[in-house]
Amino acid sequence: MAKIHMILQGKGGVGKSLIAAILAQYKMGTGQQPLCIDTDPVNATFHGFEGLNVKRLQIMENEEINPRNFDTLIELIAPATDDVIIDNGASSFVPLSHYLNSNHVPSLLQEMGHELVVHTVITGSQALTDTLNGFSQLATQFTQETTFIVWLNPYWGAIESEGKTFEQMKAYTANKSRVSAIIKIPTLKEETYGRDLADMLQDHLTFNEALANPALTIMTRQRLKIIKNQLFAQMDSAAVL
């Protein structure tokens, strides 16, 4: 059985492609050859990682899902033995979520022997409310065949409201039973760890490519190694992965 990892969130710029890239690298580190697909109609950031061999597939047409192109996506997924990682854009969030559920795709995948795992992102500051609403919408729409993993990304600010952490917020407590794991992207010091990771992503490099790059300073590579280890250790603990 393959797990179909789909990254969904209606807010742009919150780290969906980062999560897709981290997932792909983690799976490769376990000996898998994941099928990576980028369906973002606007910013195909995931597709830019040459080392991950990402296929690009346009499933949107005139702000709606193109059924034939979506059929192609299912045909790609169906024979998978290793996991599948699908990055989706903010602009396709509403139509894709609706299409998946109205066509009973989670049940279809289960019948194929696959499991749908939806990854969503919560981020801080002004985007907090939007991302919380996006998560709540997903948890309400998707049936019980779907597993959820929530990623907390503090890049834009601390994930807290009125003294409450995410785990104390209504969006989580009301949907706690649907969440199989919470992965916390570490808070990174902007001038060192944050800059190193941002530069790596800007160049569309994987952790291993960056760590093997002699053009980077020894301490830059050390900091990237620490970030990688922190993320992968959490993913090791998330049994659903």
C-alpha atoms as a PDB file:
ATOM      1  CA  MET A   1       0.000   0.000   0.000  1.00  0.00           C
ATOM      2  CA  ALA A   2       1.278   3.450  -0.944  1.00  0.00           C
ATOM      3  CA  LYS A   3       0.497   6.573   0.989  1.00  0.00           C
ATOM      4  CA  ILE A   4      -0.668   9.490  -1.103  1.00  0.00           C
ATOM      5  CA  HIS A   5       0.643  12.621   0.569  1.00  0.00           C
ATOM      6  CA  MET A   6      -1.220  15.730  -0.584  1.00  0.00           C
ATOM      7  CA  ILE A   7      -0.294  19.198   0.665  1.00  0.00           C
ATOM      8  CA  LEU A   8      -3.361  21.440   0.887  1.00  0.00           C
ATOM      9  CA  GLN A   9      -3.800  24.947   2.302  1.00  0.00           C
ATOM     10  CA  GLY A  10      -5.711  27.917   0.924  1.00  0.00           C
ATOM     11  CA  LYS A  11      -3.157  30.537   1.975  1.00  0.00           C
ATOM     12  CA  GLY A  12      -0.220  31.166  -0.332  1.00  0.00           C
ATOM     13  CA  GLY A  13       3.374  31.524   0.796  1.00  0.00           C
ATOM     14  CA  VAL A  14       3.053  29.440   3.961  1.00  0.00           C
ATOM     15  CA  GLY A  15       5.524  26.667   3.082  1.00  0.00           C
ATOM     16  CA  LYS A  16       3.575  24.042   1.130  1.00  0.00           C
ATOM     17  CA  SER A  17       6.377  23.444  -1.367  1.00  0.00           C
ATOM     18  CA  LEU A  18       8.916  23.324   1.468  1.00  0.00           C
ATOM     19  CA  ILE A  19       6.895  20.556   3.099  1.00  0.00           C
ATOM     20  CA  ALA A  20       6.601  18.659  -0.183  1.00  0.00           C
ATOM     21  CA  ALA A  21      10.359  18.855  -0.682  1.00  0.00           C
ATOM     22  CA  ILE A  22      11.105  17.765   2.903  1.00  0.00           C
ATOM     23  CA  LEU A  23       8.693  14.842   2.584  1.00  0.00           C
ATOM     24  CA  ALA A  24      10.286  13.706  -0.667  1.00  0.00           C
ATOM     25  CA  GLN A  25      13.782  13.840   0.829  1.00  0.00           C
ATOM     26  CA  TYR A  26      12.657  11.982   3.939  1.00  0.00           C
ATOM     27  CA  LYS A  27      11.096   9.221   1.854  1.00  0.00           C
ATOM     28  CA  MET A  28      14.221   8.953  -0.289  1.00  0.00           C
ATOM     29  CA  GLY A  29      16.250   8.634   2.892  1.00  0.00           C
ATOM     30  CA  THR A  30      14.196   5.562   3.839  1.00  0.00           C
ATOM     31  CA  GLY A  31      15.051   3.861   0.556  1.00  0.00           C
ATOM     32  CA  GLN A  32      11.877   4.761  -1.326  1.00  0.00           C
ATOM     33  CA  GLN A  33      11.651   6.367  -4.745  1.00  0.00           C
ATOM     34  CA  PRO A  34       8.578   8.546  -4.192  1.00  0.00           C
ATOM     35  CA  LEU A  35       6.513   9.749  -7.114  1.00  0.00           C
ATOM     36  CA  CYS A  36       6.582  13.547  -6.839  1.00  0.00           C
ATOM     37  CA  ILE A  37       3.966  15.650  -8.623  1.00  0.00           C
ATOM     38  CA  ASP A  38       3.483  19.434  -8.719  1.00  0.00           C
ATOM     39  CA  THR A  39      -0.046  20.569  -9.594  1.00  0.00           C
ATOM     40  CA  ASP A  40       0.396  24.225  -8.580  1.00  0.00           C
ATOM     41  CA  PRO A  41      -0.991  26.201 -11.557  1.00  0.00           C
ATOM     42  CA  VAL A  42       0.856  29.400 -10.630  1.00  0.00           C
ATOM     43  CA  ASN A  43       4.079  28.747  -8.686  1.00  0.00           C
ATOM     44  CA  ALA A  44       5.556  25.351  -9.504  1.00  0.00           C
ATOM     45  CA  THR A  45       8.255  25.630  -6.833  1.00  0.00           C
ATOM     46  CA  PHE A  46       8.310  21.889  -6.076  1.00  0.00           C
ATOM     47  CA  HIS A  47       8.922  21.156  -9.758  1.00  0.00           C
ATOM     48  CA  GLY A  48      12.096  23.247  -9.562  1.00  0.00           C
ATOM     49  CA  PHE A  49      13.905  20.654  -7.410  1.00  0.00           C
ATOM     50  CA  GLU A  50      15.771  18.710 -10.091  1.00  0.00           C
ATOM     51  CA  GLY A  51      17.131  16.265  -7.540  1.00  0.00           C
ATOM     52  CA  LEU A  52      13.590  15.137  -6.685  1.00  0.00           C
ATOM     53  CA  ASN A  53      12.481  14.365 -10.257  1.00  0.00           C
ATOM     54  CA  VAL A  54       9.150  16.155  -9.867  1.00  0.00           C
ATOM     55  CA  LYS A  55       6.521  15.787 -12.585  1.00  0.00           C
ATOM     56  CA  ARG A  56       4.416  18.835 -13.385  1.00  0.00           C
ATOM     57  CA  LEU A  57       0.732  18.291 -14.093  1.00  0.00           C
ATOM     58  CA  GLN A  58      -1.806  21.007 -14.850  1.00  0.00           C
ATOM     59  CA  ILE A  59      -5.121  19.970 -13.323  1.00  0.00           C
ATOM     60  CA  MET A  60      -6.701  23.449 -13.393  1.00  0.00           C
ATOM     61  CA  GLU A  61      -8.364  25.121 -16.365  1.00  0.00           C
ATOM     62  CA  ASN A  62     -10.264  28.418 -16.105  1.00  0.00           C
ATOM     63  CA  GLU A  63     -10.324  28.194 -12.298  1.00  0.00           C
ATOM     64  CA  GLU A  64     -11.883  24.737 -12.383  1.00  0.00           C
ATOM     65  CA  ILE A  65     -10.512  21.212 -12.232  1.00  0.00           C
ATOM     66  CA  ASN A  66      -9.968  19.747 -15.687  1.00  0.00           C
ATOM     67  CA  PRO A  67     -11.511  16.248 -15.307  1.00  0.00           C
ATOM     68  CA  ARG A  68      -9.301  14.634 -17.963  1.00  0.00           C
ATOM     69  CA  ASN A  69      -6.129  15.984 -16.424  1.00  0.00           C
ATOM     70  CA  PHE A  70      -7.304  14.872 -12.987  1.00  0.00           C
ATOM     71  CA  ASP A  71      -7.913  11.426 -14.502  1.00  0.00           C
ATOM     72  CA  THR A  72      -4.248  11.448 -15.528  1.00  0.00           C
ATOM     73  CA  LEU A  73      -3.261  12.163 -11.922  1.00  0.00           C
ATOM     74  CA  ILE A  74      -5.231   9.142 -10.693  1.00  0.00           C
ATOM     75  CA  GLU A  75      -3.690   6.942 -13.397  1.00  0.00           C
ATOM     76  CA  LEU A  76      -0.229   8.015 -12.194  1.00  0.00           C
ATOM     77  CA  ILE A  77      -1.120   7.244  -8.592  1.00  0.00           C
ATOM     78  CA  ALA A  78      -2.900   3.922  -9.137  1.00  0.00           C
ATOM     79  CA  PRO A  79       0.113   1.623  -9.754  1.00  0.00           C
ATOM     80  CA  ALA A  80       2.365   3.287  -7.142  1.00  0.00           C
ATOM     81  CA  THR A  81       4.176   1.002  -4.737  1.00  0.00           C
ATOM     82  CA  ASP A  82       6.267   3.744  -3.119  1.00  0.00           C
ATOM     83  CA  ASP A  83       4.623   6.825  -1.656  1.00  0.00           C
ATOM     84  CA  VAL A  84       3.306   9.703  -3.766  1.00  0.00           C
ATOM     85  CA  ILE A  85       3.824  13.373  -2.853  1.00  0.00           C
ATOM     86  CA  ILE A  86       1.565  15.980  -4.475  1.00  0.00           C
ATOM     87  CA  ASP A  87       2.113  19.705  -3.986  1.00  0.00           C
ATOM     88  CA  ASN A  88      -0.885  21.940  -4.695  1.00  0.00           C
ATOM     89  CA  GLY A  89      -1.193  25.696  -5.035  1.00  0.00           C
ATOM     90  CA  ALA A  90      -3.332  28.039  -2.990  1.00  0.00           C
ATOM     91  CA  SER A  91      -5.370  28.969  -6.060  1.00  0.00           C
ATOM     92  CA  SER A  92      -6.491  25.367  -6.558  1.00  0.00           C
ATOM     93  CA  PHE A  93      -7.322  24.753  -2.883  1.00  0.00           C
ATOM     94  CA  VAL A  94     -11.107  25.247  -3.014  1.00  0.00           C
ATOM     95  CA  PRO A  95     -11.852  23.570  -6.371  1.00  0.00           C
ATOM     96  CA  LEU A  96      -9.494  20.660  -5.693  1.00  0.00           C
ATOM     97  CA  SER A  97     -10.825  19.984  -2.193  1.00  0.00           C
ATOM     98  CA  HIS A  98     -14.369  20.034  -3.541  1.00  0.00           C
ATOM     99  CA  TYR A  99     -13.487  17.795  -6.484  1.00  0.00           C
ATOM    100  CA  LEU A 100     -11.706  15.231  -4.308  1.00  0.00           C
ATOM    101  CA  ASN A 101     -14.677  14.913  -1.989  1.00  0.00           C
ATOM    102  CA  SER A 102     -17.526  15.148  -4.490  1.00  0.00           C
ATOM    103  CA  ASN A 103     -15.890  12.349  -6.521  1.00  0.00           C
ATOM    104  CA  HIS A 104     -15.190  10.237  -3.414  1.00  0.00           C
ATOM    105  CA  VAL A 105     -11.486  10.099  -4.204  1.00  0.00           C
ATOM    106  CA  PRO A 106     -10.374   9.167  -0.646  1.00  0.00           C
ATOM    107  CA  SER A 107     -12.602   6.063  -0.822  1.00  0.00           C
ATOM    108  CA  LEU A 108     -11.364   5.287  -4.331  1.00  0.00           C
ATOM    109  CA  LEU A 109      -7.757   5.412  -3.172  1.00  0.00           C
ATOM    110  CA  GLN A 110      -8.594   3.163  -0.244  1.00  0.00           C
ATOM    111  CA  GLU A 111     -10.159   0.635  -2.634  1.00  0.00           C
ATOM    112  CA  MET A 112      -6.886   0.680  -4.595  1.00  0.00           C
ATOM    113  CA  GLY A 113      -5.037  -0.172  -1.406  1.00  0.00           C
ATOM    114  CA  HIS A 114      -3.683   3.341  -0.935  1.00  0.00           C
ATOM    115  CA  GLU A 115      -4.120   5.791   1.943  1.00  0.00           C
ATOM    116  CA  LEU A 116      -4.688   9.525   1.522  1.00  0.00           C
ATOM    117  CA  VAL A 117      -2.636  11.636   3.922  1.00  0.00           C
ATOM    118  CA  VAL A 118      -3.442  15.355   3.822  1.00  0.00           C
ATOM    119  CA  HIS A 119      -0.717  17.676   5.051  1.00  0.00           C
ATOM    120  CA  THR A 120      -1.718  21.222   5.919  1.00  0.00           C
ATOM    121  CA  VAL A 121       0.185  24.201   7.284  1.00  0.00           C
ATOM    122  CA  ILE A 122      -0.532  26.561  10.159  1.00  0.00           C
ATOM    123  CA  THR A 123       1.531  29.718  10.312  1.00  0.00           C
ATOM    124  CA  GLY A 124       1.630  32.724  12.588  1.00  0.00           C
ATOM    125  CA  SER A 125       0.985  36.453  12.490  1.00  0.00           C
ATOM    126  CA  GLN A 126      -1.588  37.772   9.981  1.00  0.00           C
ATOM    127  CA  ALA A 127      -1.890  34.398   8.239  1.00  0.00           C
ATOM    128  CA  LEU A 128      -2.856  32.551  11.426  1.00  0.00           C
ATOM    129  CA  THR A 129      -6.619  32.965  11.054  1.00  0.00           C
ATOM    130  CA  ASP A 130      -6.592  32.064   7.357  1.00  0.00           C
ATOM    131  CA  THR A 131      -4.547  28.917   7.873  1.00  0.00           C
ATOM    132  CA  LEU A 132      -6.640  27.834  10.867  1.00  0.00           C
ATOM    133  CA  ASN A 133      -9.773  28.265   8.762  1.00  0.00           C
ATOM    134  CA  GLY A 134      -8.181  26.287   5.941  1.00  0.00           C
ATOM    135  CA  PHE A 135      -7.400  23.419   8.293  1.00  0.00           C
ATOM    136  CA  SER A 136     -10.902  23.446   9.791  1.00  0.00           C
ATOM    137  CA  GLN A 137     -12.420  23.410   6.326  1.00  0.00           C
ATOM    138  CA  LEU A 138     -10.342  20.393   5.319  1.00  0.00           C
ATOM    139  CA  ALA A 139     -11.131  18.475   8.504  1.00  0.00           C
ATOM    140  CA  THR A 140     -14.840  19.086   7.983  1.00  0.00           C
ATOM    141  CA  GLN A 141     -14.895  18.205   4.283  1.00  0.00           C
ATOM    142  CA  PHE A 142     -12.792  15.054   4.167  1.00  0.00           C
ATOM    143  CA  THR A 143     -14.168  11.700   5.252  1.00  0.00           C
ATOM    144  CA  GLN A 144     -12.674   9.392   7.861  1.00  0.00           C
ATOM    145  CA  GLU A 145     -10.556   7.546   5.276  1.00  0.00           C
ATOM    146  CA  THR A 146      -8.284  10.590   5.263  1.00  0.00           C
ATOM    147  CA  THR A 147      -5.403  11.039   7.682  1.00  0.00           C
ATOM    148  CA  PHE A 148      -4.245  14.559   8.607  1.00  0.00           C
ATOM    149  CA  ILE A 149      -0.795  15.831   9.476  1.00  0.00           C
ATOM    150  CA  VAL A 150      -0.447  19.447  10.608  1.00  0.00           C
ATOM    151  CA  TRP A 151       2.789  21.352  10.106  1.00  0.00           C
ATOM    152  CA  LEU A 152       3.416  24.398  12.298  1.00  0.00           C
ATOM    153  CA  ASN A 153       5.545  26.963  10.482  1.00  0.00           C
ATOM    154  CA  PRO A 154       6.630  29.919  12.665  1.00  0.00           C
ATOM    155  CA  TYR A 155       8.399  31.713   9.800  1.00  0.00           C
ATOM    156  CA  TRP A 156       5.916  34.623   9.808  1.00  0.00           C
ATOM    157  CA  GLY A 157       5.561  34.750  13.578  1.00  0.00           C
ATOM    158  CA  ALA A 158       4.717  32.741  16.677  1.00  0.00           C
ATOM    159  CA  ILE A 159       1.723  30.435  16.317  1.00  0.00           C
ATOM    160  CA  GLU A 160      -0.300  31.686  19.235  1.00  0.00           C
ATOM    161  CA  SER A 161      -3.441  33.689  19.880  1.00  0.00           C
ATOM    162  CA  GLU A 162      -4.628  35.215  23.139  1.00  0.00           C
ATOM    163  CA  GLY A 163      -2.009  33.197  24.993  1.00  0.00           C
ATOM    164  CA  LYS A 164      -3.081  29.905  23.402  1.00  0.00           C
ATOM    165  CA  THR A 165      -0.831  27.560  21.461  1.00  0.00           C
ATOM    166  CA  PHE A 166      -2.155  25.714  18.419  1.00  0.00           C
ATOM    167  CA  GLU A 167      -2.944  22.653  20.528  1.00  0.00           C
ATOM    168  CA  GLN A 168      -5.144  24.837  22.744  1.00  0.00           C
ATOM    169  CA  MET A 169      -7.030  26.559  19.923  1.00  0.00           C
ATOM    170  CA  LYS A 170     -10.584  25.605  18.991  1.00  0.00           C
ATOM    171  CA  ALA A 171      -9.571  24.704  15.418  1.00  0.00           C
ATOM    172  CA  TYR A 172      -7.412  21.916  16.824  1.00  0.00           C
ATOM    173  CA  THR A 173      -9.460  20.785  19.829  1.00  0.00           C
ATOM    174  CA  ALA A 174     -12.561  20.423  17.643  1.00  0.00           C
ATOM    175  CA  ASN A 175     -10.668  18.294  15.120  1.00  0.00           C
ATOM    176  CA  LYS A 176      -8.067  16.625  17.325  1.00  0.00           C
ATOM    177  CA  SER A 177      -9.283  13.122  16.486  1.00  0.00           C
ATOM    178  CA  ARG A 178      -8.516  13.722  12.816  1.00  0.00           C
ATOM    179  CA  VAL A 179      -4.875  14.728  13.373  1.00  0.00           C
ATOM    180  CA  SER A 180      -2.377  11.868  13.400  1.00  0.00           C
ATOM    181  CA  ALA A 181       0.735  14.004  13.888  1.00  0.00           C
ATOM    182  CA  ILE A 182       1.925  17.568  14.395  1.00  0.00           C
ATOM    183  CA  ILE A 183       5.314  18.484  12.973  1.00  0.00           C
ATOM    184  CA  LYS A 184       6.903  21.709  14.163  1.00  0.00           C
ATOM    185  CA  ILE A 185       9.264  23.475  11.784  1.00  0.00           C
ATOM    186  CA  PRO A 186      11.888  24.936  14.140  1.00  0.00           C
ATOM    187  CA  THR A 187      12.041  28.673  14.775  1.00  0.00           C
ATOM    188  CA  LEU A 188      15.149  29.703  12.886  1.00  0.00           C
ATOM    189  CA  LYS A 189      17.397  32.661  13.681  1.00  0.00           C
ATOM    190  CA  GLU A 190      16.958  34.880  10.658  1.00  0.00           C
ATOM    191  CA  GLU A 191      20.569  35.863  10.061  1.00  0.00           C
ATOM    192  CA  THR A 192      21.986  32.338  10.309  1.00  0.00           C
ATOM    193  CA  TYR A 193      19.773  29.238  10.174  1.00  0.00           C
ATOM    194  CA  GLY A 194      16.902  31.088   8.487  1.00  0.00           C
ATOM    195  CA  ARG A 195      19.097  32.598   5.807  1.00  0.00           C
ATOM    196  CA  ASP A 196      20.867  29.293   5.138  1.00  0.00           C
ATOM    197  CA  LEU A 197      17.583  27.450   4.644  1.00  0.00           C
ATOM    198  CA  ALA A 198      16.124  30.260   2.512  1.00  0.00           C
ATOM    199  CA  ASP A 199      19.191  30.268   0.261  1.00  0.00           C
ATOM    200  CA  MET A 200      19.041  26.491  -0.116  1.00  0.00           C
ATOM    201  CA  LEU A 201      15.386  26.642  -1.117  1.00  0.00           C
ATOM    202  CA  GLN A 202      15.973  29.576  -3.455  1.00  0.00           C
ATOM    203  CA  ASP A 203      18.542  27.457  -5.292  1.00  0.00           C
ATOM    204  CA  HIS A 204      16.148  24.464  -5.303  1.00  0.00           C
ATOM    205  CA  LEU A 205      18.730  22.285  -3.562  1.00  0.00           C
ATOM    206  CA  THR A 206      17.985  19.268  -1.408  1.00  0.00           C
ATOM    207  CA  PHE A 207      19.645  18.956   1.988  1.00  0.00           C
ATOM    208  CA  ASN A 208      22.033  16.321   0.651  1.00  0.00           C
ATOM    209  CA  GLU A 209      22.979  18.480  -2.339  1.00  0.00           C
ATOM    210  CA  ALA A 210      23.653  21.444  -0.067  1.00  0.00           C
ATOM    211  CA  LEU A 211      25.614  19.366   2.444  1.00  0.00           C
ATOM    212  CA  ALA A 212      27.824  18.061  -0.381  1.00  0.00           C
ATOM    213  CA  ASN A 213      28.400  21.524  -1.860  1.00  0.00           C
ATOM    214  CA  PRO A 214      31.972  22.705  -1.122  1.00  0.00           C
ATOM    215  CA  ALA A 215      31.002  26.256  -2.128  1.00  0.00           C
ATOM    216  CA  LEU A 216      29.035  26.548   1.111  1.00  0.00           C
ATOM    217  CA  THR A 217      30.902  27.316   4.319  1.00  0.00           C
ATOM    218  CA  ILE A 218      31.459  24.583   6.866  1.00  0.00           C
ATOM    219  CA  MET A 219      29.157  26.266   9.383  1.00  0.00           C
ATOM    220  CA  THR A 220      26.420  26.811   6.791  1.00  0.00           C
ATOM    221  CA  ARG A 221      26.453  23.090   6.072  1.00  0.00           C
ATOM    222  CA  GLN A 222      26.490  22.345   9.797  1.00  0.00           C
ATOM    223  CA  ARG A 223      23.427  24.501  10.395  1.00  0.00           C
ATOM    224  CA  LEU A 224      21.562  22.884   7.490  1.00  0.00           C
ATOM    225  CA  LYS A 225      22.448  19.462   8.874  1.00  0.00           C
ATOM    226  CA  ILE A 226      20.986  20.445  12.253  1.00  0.00           C
ATOM    227  CA  ILE A 227      17.732  21.640  10.615  1.00  0.00           C
ATOM    228  CA  LYS A 228      17.482  18.421   8.598  1.00  0.00           C
ATOM    229  CA  ASN A 229      18.059  16.251  11.673  1.00  0.00           C
ATOM    230  CA  GLN A 230      15.467  18.161  13.722  1.00  0.00           C
ATOM    231  CA  LEU A 231      12.802  17.751  11.027  1.00  0.00           C
ATOM    232  CA  PHE A 232      13.583  14.132  10.206  1.00  0.00           C
ATOM    233  CA  ALA A 233      13.572  13.160  13.901  1.00  0.00           C
ATOM    234  CA  GLN A 234       9.991  14.441  14.198  1.00  0.00           C
ATOM    235  CA  MET A 235       9.023  12.592  11.038  1.00  0.00           C
ATOM    236  CA  ASP A 236      10.519   9.393  12.439  1.00  0.00           C
ATOM    237  CA  SER A 237       8.104   9.766  15.349  1.00  0.00           C
ATOM    238  CA  ALA A 238       5.083  10.288  13.076  1.00  0.00           C
ATOM    239  CA  ALA A 239       4.053   6.689  12.471  1.00  0.00           C
ATOM    240  CA  VAL A 240       1.692   7.706   9.675  1.00  0.00           C
ATOM    241  CA  LEU A 241       4.699   8.660   7.573  1.00  0.00           C
END
